[in-house]
């Protein structure tokens, strides 16, 4: 798909078609991370973490801390 930039005030904007937004699960409120290698752009939608995901990460951190905490404290001395 080829698109053109559109002037918006003193800036340029790129519109993203609805089917692409739906495919990526994006809305007008979705934050995106913009990366470049100097020749191209990559937009990555930032999806908010769910409570379930937060709980899984917290549990994994607690397990790692219980298993490795004493060793890491010794190494830090």
PDB file of N, CA and C in Angstrom:
ATOM      1  N   UNK A   1       0.846  -1.163   0.000  1.00  0.00           N
ATOM      2  CA  UNK A   1       0.000   0.000   0.000  1.00  0.00           C
ATOM      3  C   UNK A   1       0.900   1.237   0.000  1.00  0.00           C
ATOM      4  N   UNK A   2       0.614   2.171  -0.832  1.00  0.00           N
ATOM      5  CA  UNK A   2       1.362   3.426  -0.898  1.00  0.00           C
ATOM      6  C   UNK A   2       0.471   4.547  -0.384  1.00  0.00           C
ATOM      7  N   UNK A   3       1.004   5.358   0.518  1.00  0.00           N
ATOM      8  CA  UNK A   3       0.254   6.469   1.113  1.00  0.00           C
ATOM      9  C   UNK A   3       1.059   7.748   0.946  1.00  0.00           C
ATOM     10  N   UNK A   4       0.372   8.875   1.063  1.00  0.00           N
ATOM     11  CA  UNK A   4       1.023  10.183   1.061  1.00  0.00           C
ATOM     12  C   UNK A   4       0.814  10.834   2.411  1.00  0.00           C
ATOM     13  N   UNK A   5       1.788  11.638   2.818  1.00  0.00           N
ATOM     14  CA  UNK A   5       1.645  12.414   4.039  1.00  0.00           C
ATOM     15  C   UNK A   5       0.661  13.548   3.787  1.00  0.00           C
ATOM     16  N   UNK A   6      -0.044  13.945   4.832  1.00  0.00           N
ATOM     17  CA  UNK A   6      -1.025  15.020   4.763  1.00  0.00           C
ATOM     18  C   UNK A   6      -0.607  16.127   5.713  1.00  0.00           C
ATOM     19  N   UNK A   7      -0.681  17.379   5.258  1.00  0.00           N
ATOM     20  CA  UNK A   7      -0.312  18.499   6.110  1.00  0.00           C
ATOM     21  C   UNK A   7      -1.376  18.699   7.192  1.00  0.00           C
ATOM     22  N   UNK A   8      -0.899  18.826   8.447  1.00  0.00           N
ATOM     23  CA  UNK A   8      -1.757  19.121   9.583  1.00  0.00           C
ATOM     24  C   UNK A   8      -1.054  20.226  10.358  1.00  0.00           C
ATOM     25  N   UNK A   9      -1.477  21.465  10.151  1.00  0.00           N
ATOM     26  CA  UNK A   9      -0.791  22.602  10.768  1.00  0.00           C
ATOM     27  C   UNK A   9       0.623  22.684  10.227  1.00  0.00           C
ATOM     28  N   UNK A  10       1.604  22.723  11.129  1.00  0.00           N
ATOM     29  CA  UNK A  10       3.004  22.772  10.720  1.00  0.00           C
ATOM     30  C   UNK A  10       3.636  21.386  10.633  1.00  0.00           C
ATOM     31  N   UNK A  11       2.824  20.346  10.768  1.00  0.00           N
ATOM     32  CA  UNK A  11       3.335  18.973  10.776  1.00  0.00           C
ATOM     33  C   UNK A  11       2.803  18.201   9.583  1.00  0.00           C
ATOM     34  N   UNK A  12       3.260  16.980   9.458  1.00  0.00           N
ATOM     35  CA  UNK A  12       2.775  16.058   8.439  1.00  0.00           C
ATOM     36  C   UNK A  12       2.160  14.861   9.152  1.00  0.00           C
ATOM     37  N   UNK A  13       1.080  14.319   8.601  1.00  0.00           N
ATOM     38  CA  UNK A  13       0.398  13.185   9.221  1.00  0.00           C
ATOM     39  C   UNK A  13       0.245  12.062   8.206  1.00  0.00           C
ATOM     40  N   UNK A  14       0.171  10.860   8.724  1.00  0.00           N
ATOM     41  CA  UNK A  14      -0.066   9.684   7.904  1.00  0.00           C
ATOM     42  C   UNK A  14      -1.344   9.044   8.412  1.00  0.00           C
ATOM     43  N   UNK A  15      -2.331   8.883   7.550  1.00  0.00           N
ATOM     44  CA  UNK A  15      -3.570   8.248   7.978  1.00  0.00           C
ATOM     45  C   UNK A  15      -3.435   6.741   7.808  1.00  0.00           C
ATOM     46  N   UNK A  16      -3.998   6.018   8.767  1.00  0.00           N
ATOM     47  CA  UNK A  16      -3.977   4.558   8.727  1.00  0.00           C
ATOM     48  C   UNK A  16      -5.401   4.090   8.480  1.00  0.00           C
ATOM     49  N   UNK A  17      -5.589   3.310   7.431  1.00  0.00           N
ATOM     50  CA  UNK A  17      -6.926   2.856   7.053  1.00  0.00           C
ATOM     51  C   UNK A  17      -7.546   1.964   8.121  1.00  0.00           C
ATOM     52  N   UNK A  18      -8.871   2.029   8.215  1.00  0.00           N
ATOM     53  CA  UNK A  18      -9.617   1.307   9.239  1.00  0.00           C
ATOM     54  C   UNK A  18      -9.324  -0.192   9.248  1.00  0.00           C
ATOM     55  N   UNK A  19      -9.258  -0.879   8.099  1.00  0.00           N
ATOM     56  CA  UNK A  19      -8.968  -2.324   8.142  1.00  0.00           C
ATOM     57  C   UNK A  19      -7.617  -2.641   8.792  1.00  0.00           C
ATOM     58  N   UNK A  20      -6.631  -1.779   8.600  1.00  0.00           N
ATOM     59  CA  UNK A  20      -5.323  -2.009   9.219  1.00  0.00           C
ATOM     60  C   UNK A  20      -5.417  -1.779  10.724  1.00  0.00           C
ATOM     61  N   UNK A  21      -6.118  -0.713  11.125  1.00  0.00           N
ATOM     62  CA  UNK A  21      -6.321  -0.456  12.551  1.00  0.00           C
ATOM     63  C   UNK A  21      -7.010  -1.634  13.227  1.00  0.00           C
ATOM     64  N   UNK A  22      -8.045  -2.168  12.579  1.00  0.00           N
ATOM     65  CA  UNK A  22      -8.770  -3.310  13.139  1.00  0.00           C
ATOM     66  C   UNK A  22      -7.882  -4.543  13.228  1.00  0.00           C
ATOM     67  N   UNK A  23      -7.079  -4.772  12.197  1.00  0.00           N
ATOM     68  CA  UNK A  23      -6.169  -5.919  12.183  1.00  0.00           C
ATOM     69  C   UNK A  23      -5.196  -5.861  13.355  1.00  0.00           C
ATOM     70  N   UNK A  24      -4.720  -4.665  13.673  1.00  0.00           N
ATOM     71  CA  UNK A  24      -3.752  -4.479  14.752  1.00  0.00           C
ATOM     72  C   UNK A  24      -4.411  -4.233  16.103  1.00  0.00           C
ATOM     73  N   UNK A  25      -5.736  -4.163  16.124  1.00  0.00           N
ATOM     74  CA  UNK A  25      -6.451  -3.919  17.380  1.00  0.00           C
ATOM     75  C   UNK A  25      -6.230  -2.519  17.911  1.00  0.00           C
ATOM     76  N   UNK A  26      -6.079  -1.551  17.002  1.00  0.00           N
ATOM     77  CA  UNK A  26      -5.803  -0.177  17.394  1.00  0.00           C
ATOM     78  C   UNK A  26      -7.058   0.688  17.310  1.00  0.00           C
ATOM     79  N   UNK A  27      -7.086   1.729  18.146  1.00  0.00           N
ATOM     80  CA  UNK A  27      -8.139   2.730  18.088  1.00  0.00           C
ATOM     81  C   UNK A  27      -7.461   4.099  18.036  1.00  0.00           C
ATOM     82  N   UNK A  28      -8.260   5.150  18.008  1.00  0.00           N
ATOM     83  CA  UNK A  28      -7.708   6.503  17.991  1.00  0.00           C
ATOM     84  C   UNK A  28      -6.933   6.810  19.279  1.00  0.00           C
ATOM     85  N   UNK A  29      -7.186   6.061  20.352  1.00  0.00           N
ATOM     86  CA  UNK A  29      -6.523   6.288  21.637  1.00  0.00           C
ATOM     87  C   UNK A  29      -5.266   5.441  21.830  1.00  0.00           C
ATOM     88  N   UNK A  30      -4.973   4.552  20.896  1.00  0.00           N
ATOM     89  CA  UNK A  30      -3.826   3.656  21.037  1.00  0.00           C
ATOM     90  C   UNK A  30      -2.516   4.433  20.929  1.00  0.00           C
ATOM     91  N   UNK A  31      -1.636   4.239  21.891  1.00  0.00           N
ATOM     92  CA  UNK A  31      -0.302   4.828  21.807  1.00  0.00           C
ATOM     93  C   UNK A  31       0.551   3.922  20.930  1.00  0.00           C
ATOM     94  N   UNK A  32       1.482   4.526  20.187  1.00  0.00           N
ATOM     95  CA  UNK A  32       2.388   3.748  19.351  1.00  0.00           C
ATOM     96  C   UNK A  32       3.825   4.134  19.653  1.00  0.00           C
ATOM     97  N   UNK A  33       4.707   3.162  19.532  1.00  0.00           N
ATOM     98  CA  UNK A  33       6.133   3.419  19.619  1.00  0.00           C
ATOM     99  C   UNK A  33       6.627   3.594  18.196  1.00  0.00           C
ATOM    100  N   UNK A  34       7.410   4.645  17.947  1.00  0.00           N
ATOM    101  CA  UNK A  34       7.944   4.918  16.618  1.00  0.00           C
ATOM    102  C   UNK A  34       9.443   4.682  16.656  1.00  0.00           C
ATOM    103  N   UNK A  35       9.920   3.823  15.757  1.00  0.00           N
ATOM    104  CA  UNK A  35      11.352   3.550  15.641  1.00  0.00           C
ATOM    105  C   UNK A  35      11.769   3.809  14.207  1.00  0.00           C
ATOM    106  N   UNK A  36      13.032   4.154  14.034  1.00  0.00           N
ATOM    107  CA  UNK A  36      13.568   4.346  12.694  1.00  0.00           C
ATOM    108  C   UNK A  36      14.997   3.849  12.639  1.00  0.00           C
ATOM    109  N   UNK A  37      15.395   3.423  11.454  1.00  0.00           N
ATOM    110  CA  UNK A  37      16.787   3.051  11.230  1.00  0.00           C
ATOM    111  C   UNK A  37      17.469   4.085  10.338  1.00  0.00           C
ATOM    112  N   UNK A  38      16.796   5.212  10.133  1.00  0.00           N
ATOM    113  CA  UNK A  38      17.313   6.264   9.273  1.00  0.00           C
ATOM    114  C   UNK A  38      16.786   6.193   7.855  1.00  0.00           C
ATOM    115  N   UNK A  39      16.152   5.062   7.513  1.00  0.00           N
ATOM    116  CA  UNK A  39      15.619   4.886   6.159  1.00  0.00           C
ATOM    117  C   UNK A  39      14.141   4.505   6.153  1.00  0.00           C
ATOM    118  N   UNK A  40      13.663   3.957   7.258  1.00  0.00           N
ATOM    119  CA  UNK A  40      12.267   3.541   7.307  1.00  0.00           C
ATOM    120  C   UNK A  40      11.730   3.735   8.723  1.00  0.00           C
ATOM    121  N   UNK A  41      10.403   3.712   8.835  1.00  0.00           N
ATOM    122  CA  UNK A  41       9.720   3.847  10.121  1.00  0.00           C
ATOM    123  C   UNK A  41       9.060   2.537  10.488  1.00  0.00           C
ATOM    124  N   UNK A  42       9.020   2.257  11.792  1.00  0.00           N
ATOM    125  CA  UNK A  42       8.246   1.126  12.282  1.00  0.00           C
ATOM    126  C   UNK A  42       7.359   1.644  13.399  1.00  0.00           C
ATOM    127  N   UNK A  43       6.056   1.437  13.271  1.00  0.00           N
ATOM    128  CA  UNK A  43       5.083   1.813  14.299  1.00  0.00           C
ATOM    129  C   UNK A  43       4.635   0.547  15.005  1.00  0.00           C
ATOM    130  N   UNK A  44       4.727   0.529  16.333  1.00  0.00           N
ATOM    131  CA  UNK A  44       4.303  -0.625  17.105  1.00  0.00           C
ATOM    132  C   UNK A  44       3.261  -0.178  18.116  1.00  0.00           C
ATOM    133  N   UNK A  45       2.034  -0.738  18.044  1.00  0.00           N
ATOM    134  CA  UNK A  45       1.025  -0.354  19.029  1.00  0.00           C
ATOM    135  C   UNK A  45       1.439  -0.802  20.424  1.00  0.00           C
ATOM    136  N   UNK A  46       1.208   0.065  21.397  1.00  0.00           N
ATOM    137  CA  UNK A  46       1.488  -0.261  22.787  1.00  0.00           C
ATOM    138  C   UNK A  46       0.160  -0.647  23.417  1.00  0.00           C
ATOM    139  N   UNK A  47       0.061  -1.911  23.769  1.00  0.00           N
ATOM    140  CA  UNK A  47      -1.188  -2.404  24.344  1.00  0.00           C
ATOM    141  C   UNK A  47      -1.081  -2.384  25.862  1.00  0.00           C
ATOM    142  N   UNK A  48      -2.093  -1.849  26.530  1.00  0.00           N
ATOM    143  CA  UNK A  48      -2.049  -1.791  27.985  1.00  0.00           C
ATOM    144  C   UNK A  48      -2.026  -3.196  28.583  1.00  0.00           C
ATOM    145  N   UNK A  49      -1.296  -3.342  29.681  1.00  0.00           N
ATOM    146  CA  UNK A  49      -1.236  -4.638  30.332  1.00  0.00           C
ATOM    147  C   UNK A  49      -2.555  -4.923  31.039  1.00  0.00           C
ATOM    148  N   UNK A  50      -2.982  -6.163  30.959  1.00  0.00           N
ATOM    149  CA  UNK A  50      -4.188  -6.570  31.662  1.00  0.00           C
ATOM    150  C   UNK A  50      -3.828  -6.926  33.101  1.00  0.00           C
ATOM    151  N   UNK A  51      -4.830  -6.979  33.950  1.00  0.00           N
ATOM    152  CA  UNK A  51      -4.595  -7.360  35.341  1.00  0.00           C
ATOM    153  C   UNK A  51      -4.007  -8.768  35.409  1.00  0.00           C
ATOM    154  N   UNK A  52      -4.455  -9.646  34.504  1.00  0.00           N
ATOM    155  CA  UNK A  52      -3.956 -11.023  34.473  1.00  0.00           C
ATOM    156  C   UNK A  52      -2.461 -11.043  34.140  1.00  0.00           C
ATOM    157  N   UNK A  53      -2.058 -10.227  33.180  1.00  0.00           N
ATOM    158  CA  UNK A  53      -0.650 -10.156  32.787  1.00  0.00           C
ATOM    159  C   UNK A  53       0.188  -9.582  33.925  1.00  0.00           C
ATOM    160  N   UNK A  54      -0.311  -8.530  34.567  1.00  0.00           N
ATOM    161  CA  UNK A  54       0.412  -7.941  35.701  1.00  0.00           C
ATOM    162  C   UNK A  54       0.612  -8.973  36.799  1.00  0.00           C
ATOM    163  N   UNK A  55      -0.433  -9.756  37.096  1.00  0.00           N
ATOM    164  CA  UNK A  55      -0.348 -10.770  38.142  1.00  0.00           C
ATOM    165  C   UNK A  55       0.677 -11.839  37.772  1.00  0.00           C
ATOM    166  N   UNK A  56       0.721 -12.235  36.498  1.00  0.00           N
ATOM    167  CA  UNK A  56       1.681 -13.252  36.056  1.00  0.00           C
ATOM    168  C   UNK A  56       3.108 -12.739  36.182  1.00  0.00           C
ATOM    169  N   UNK A  57       3.341 -11.481  35.815  1.00  0.00           N
ATOM    170  CA  UNK A  57       4.676 -10.896  35.924  1.00  0.00           C
ATOM    171  C   UNK A  57       5.077 -10.774  37.392  1.00  0.00           C
ATOM    172  N   UNK A  58       4.154 -10.333  38.226  1.00  0.00           N
ATOM    173  CA  UNK A  58       4.446 -10.199  39.652  1.00  0.00           C
ATOM    174  C   UNK A  58       4.801 -11.553  40.256  1.00  0.00           C
ATOM    175  N   UNK A  59       4.047 -12.602  39.905  1.00  0.00           N
ATOM    176  CA  UNK A  59       4.309 -13.941  40.427  1.00  0.00           C
ATOM    177  C   UNK A  59       5.689 -14.426  39.985  1.00  0.00           C
ATOM    178  N   UNK A  60       6.033 -14.211  38.715  1.00  0.00           N
ATOM    179  CA  UNK A  60       7.334 -14.635  38.207  1.00  0.00           C
ATOM    180  C   UNK A  60       8.459 -13.900  38.927  1.00  0.00           C
ATOM    181  N   UNK A  61       8.275 -12.625  39.187  1.00  0.00           N
ATOM    182  CA  UNK A  61       9.298 -11.841  39.901  1.00  0.00           C
ATOM    183  C   UNK A  61       9.464 -12.344  41.336  1.00  0.00           C
ATOM    184  N   UNK A  62       8.362 -12.649  41.992  1.00  0.00           N
ATOM    185  CA  UNK A  62       8.434 -13.155  43.362  1.00  0.00           C
ATOM    186  C   UNK A  62       9.140 -14.505  43.408  1.00  0.00           C
ATOM    187  N   UNK A  63       8.841 -15.392  42.443  1.00  0.00           N
ATOM    188  CA  UNK A  63       9.476 -16.702  42.398  1.00  0.00           C
ATOM    189  C   UNK A  63      10.981 -16.567  42.141  1.00  0.00           C
ATOM    190  N   UNK A  64      11.343 -15.682  41.210  1.00  0.00           N
ATOM    191  CA  UNK A  64      12.762 -15.476  40.909  1.00  0.00           C
ATOM    192  C   UNK A  64      13.481 -14.901  42.110  1.00  0.00           C
ATOM    193  N   UNK A  65      12.842 -13.967  42.792  1.00  0.00           N
ATOM    194  CA  UNK A  65      13.449 -13.361  43.973  1.00  0.00           C
ATOM    195  C   UNK A  65      13.621 -14.391  45.090  1.00  0.00           C
ATOM    196  N   UNK A  66      12.626 -15.245  45.281  1.00  0.00           N
ATOM    197  CA  UNK A  66      12.722 -16.277  46.311  1.00  0.00           C
ATOM    198  C   UNK A  66      13.850 -17.254  45.991  1.00  0.00           C
ATOM    199  N   UNK A  67      13.997 -17.597  44.717  1.00  0.00           N
ATOM    200  CA  UNK A  67      15.012 -18.567  44.312  1.00  0.00           C
ATOM    201  C   UNK A  67      16.409 -17.954  44.267  1.00  0.00           C
ATOM    202  N   UNK A  68      16.528 -16.752  43.733  1.00  0.00           N
ATOM    203  CA  UNK A  68      17.834 -16.156  43.475  1.00  0.00           C
ATOM    204  C   UNK A  68      18.206 -15.019  44.417  1.00  0.00           C
ATOM    205  N   UNK A  69      17.256 -14.545  45.211  1.00  0.00           N
ATOM    206  CA  UNK A  69      17.509 -13.407  46.085  1.00  0.00           C
ATOM    207  C   UNK A  69      18.739 -13.549  46.952  1.00  0.00           C
ATOM    208  N   UNK A  70      18.876 -14.664  47.692  1.00  0.00           N
ATOM    209  CA  UNK A  70      20.059 -14.805  48.552  1.00  0.00           C
ATOM    210  C   UNK A  70      21.375 -14.803  47.760  1.00  0.00           C
ATOM    211  N   UNK A  71      21.390 -15.452  46.630  1.00  0.00           N
ATOM    212  CA  UNK A  71      22.607 -15.488  45.811  1.00  0.00           C
ATOM    213  C   UNK A  71      22.935 -14.098  45.292  1.00  0.00           C
ATOM    214  N   UNK A  72      21.926 -13.383  44.829  1.00  0.00           N
ATOM    215  CA  UNK A  72      22.158 -12.038  44.302  1.00  0.00           C
ATOM    216  C   UNK A  72      22.639 -11.082  45.399  1.00  0.00           C
ATOM    217  N   UNK A  73      22.119 -11.248  46.617  1.00  0.00           N
ATOM    218  CA  UNK A  73      22.565 -10.405  47.730  1.00  0.00           C
ATOM    219  C   UNK A  73      24.037 -10.690  48.055  1.00  0.00           C
ATOM    220  N   UNK A  74      24.438 -11.953  47.984  1.00  0.00           N
ATOM    221  CA  UNK A  74      25.846 -12.310  48.218  1.00  0.00           C
ATOM    222  C   UNK A  74      26.739 -11.716  47.136  1.00  0.00           C
ATOM    223  N   UNK A  75      26.303 -11.782  45.900  1.00  0.00           N
ATOM    224  CA  UNK A  75      27.095 -11.237  44.797  1.00  0.00           C
ATOM    225  C   UNK A  75      27.218  -9.723  44.900  1.00  0.00           C
ATOM    226  N   UNK A  76      26.203  -9.079  45.462  1.00  0.00           N
ATOM    227  CA  UNK A  76      26.216  -7.623  45.560  1.00  0.00           C
ATOM    228  C   UNK A  76      27.169  -7.120  46.635  1.00  0.00           C
ATOM    229  N   UNK A  77      27.595  -8.013  47.529  1.00  0.00           N
ATOM    230  CA  UNK A  77      28.504  -7.589  48.620  1.00  0.00           C
ATOM    231  C   UNK A  77      29.879  -7.276  48.105  1.00  0.00           C
TER     232      UNK A  77
END
